[in-house]
Amino acid sequence: MGSVEINILGQHYSIKGDASEEHIKKLAAYVDEKLKEIYAANPNITPLKASILASLNIADELYRIRDEQEMATRNIEEKANALTGLFD
């Protein structure tokens, strides 16, 4: 488990984790992008509030994708069951 140097909003961090360096850097770049979006829309926002809003936006994306995945899985299962019924 190595250490990876990242930069988010001009702040340098040393991150340790099991993921690859490339993966950690991609995550950091994504978080940095989301924070910059918040600051672009609200230039006078405090760093804490910007971090919370960015976290909520990322959580919203995650939950929407999970919901879409669950619906797709249910759809596939229903179609598989319908096809299986044709062979009975």
Protein backbone atom coordinates (compact mmCIF):
# COMPACT_ATOMS: atom_id res chain seq x y z
CA MET A 1 0.00 0.00 0.00
CA GLY A 2 1.81 3.07 -1.26
CA SER A 3 1.20 6.75 -0.85
CA VAL A 4 -0.21 8.86 -3.68
CA GLU A 5 0.17 12.63 -3.91
CA ILE A 6 -3.00 14.39 -5.07
CA ASN A 7 -4.14 17.98 -5.46
CA ILE A 8 -7.68 19.19 -4.75
CA LEU A 9 -8.44 22.91 -5.05
CA GLY A 10 -4.78 23.74 -4.82
CA GLN A 11 -4.28 21.75 -1.63
CA HIS A 12 -1.84 18.86 -1.65
CA TYR A 13 -2.73 15.60 0.08
CA SER A 14 -0.92 12.33 0.57
CA ILE A 15 -3.36 9.43 0.26
CA LYS A 16 -2.73 5.84 1.25
CA GLY A 17 -4.98 3.12 -0.05
CA ASP A 18 -5.27 -0.27 -1.69
CA ALA A 19 -6.37 1.17 -5.04
CA SER A 20 -3.93 1.89 -7.83
CA GLU A 21 -2.27 5.28 -8.05
CA GLU A 22 -4.11 5.94 -11.31
CA HIS A 23 -7.47 5.18 -9.70
CA ILE A 24 -6.81 7.43 -6.70
CA LYS A 25 -5.73 10.26 -8.99
CA LYS A 26 -8.88 9.84 -11.10
CA LEU A 27 -11.01 10.05 -7.96
CA ALA A 28 -9.16 13.16 -6.79
CA ALA A 29 -9.57 14.79 -10.20
CA TYR A 30 -13.30 14.04 -10.11
CA VAL A 31 -13.72 15.52 -6.63
CA ASP A 32 -11.66 18.56 -7.68
CA GLU A 33 -13.89 19.02 -10.73
CA LYS A 34 -17.07 18.81 -8.64
CA LEU A 35 -15.73 21.35 -6.14
CA LYS A 36 -14.76 23.72 -8.94
CA GLU A 37 -18.30 23.46 -10.32
CA ILE A 38 -19.67 24.47 -6.91
CA TYR A 39 -17.25 27.40 -6.66
CA ALA A 40 -18.07 28.54 -10.20
CA ALA A 41 -21.75 28.75 -9.29
CA ASN A 42 -21.13 30.16 -5.78
CA PRO A 43 -17.81 32.04 -5.67
CA ASN A 44 -18.25 33.27 -2.08
CA ILE A 45 -19.12 29.89 -0.57
CA THR A 46 -17.02 28.58 2.31
CA PRO A 47 -14.82 25.53 1.69
CA LEU A 48 -16.87 23.47 4.16
CA LYS A 49 -20.17 24.28 2.45
CA ALA A 50 -18.64 23.66 -0.97
CA SER A 51 -17.37 20.27 0.22
CA ILE A 52 -20.78 19.34 1.60
CA LEU A 53 -22.56 20.37 -1.60
CA ALA A 54 -20.06 18.50 -3.74
CA SER A 55 -20.49 15.43 -1.51
CA LEU A 56 -24.26 15.62 -1.88
CA ASN A 57 -23.97 15.96 -5.66
CA ILE A 58 -21.67 12.94 -5.84
CA ALA A 59 -23.97 10.94 -3.54
CA ASP A 60 -26.93 11.88 -5.75
CA GLU A 61 -25.07 10.60 -8.82
CA LEU A 62 -24.25 7.36 -7.01
CA TYR A 63 -27.84 6.76 -5.90
CA ARG A 64 -29.25 7.55 -9.36
CA ILE A 65 -26.82 5.09 -10.96
CA ARG A 66 -27.66 2.44 -8.35
CA ASP A 67 -31.38 2.90 -9.01
CA GLU A 68 -30.81 2.60 -12.77
CA GLN A 69 -28.73 -0.54 -12.23
CA GLU A 70 -31.41 -2.10 -10.03
CA MET A 71 -34.09 -1.34 -12.62
CA ALA A 72 -31.94 -2.79 -15.41
CA THR A 73 -31.25 -5.91 -13.33
CA ARG A 74 -34.97 -6.39 -12.63
CA ASN A 75 -35.75 -5.90 -16.32
CA ILE A 76 -33.15 -8.49 -17.33
CA GLU A 77 -34.45 -10.95 -14.74
CA GLU A 78 -38.04 -10.48 -15.94
CA LYS A 79 -37.01 -11.02 -19.55
CA ALA A 80 -34.90 -14.05 -18.64
CA ASN A 81 -37.85 -15.53 -16.74
CA ALA A 82 -40.15 -14.88 -19.69
CA LEU A 83 -37.71 -16.56 -22.06
CA THR A 84 -37.26 -19.48 -19.68
CA GLY A 85 -41.05 -19.84 -19.60
CA LEU A 86 -41.07 -20.30 -23.36
CA PHE A 87 -38.94 -23.43 -22.99
CA ASP A 88 -41.16 -25.06 -20.37
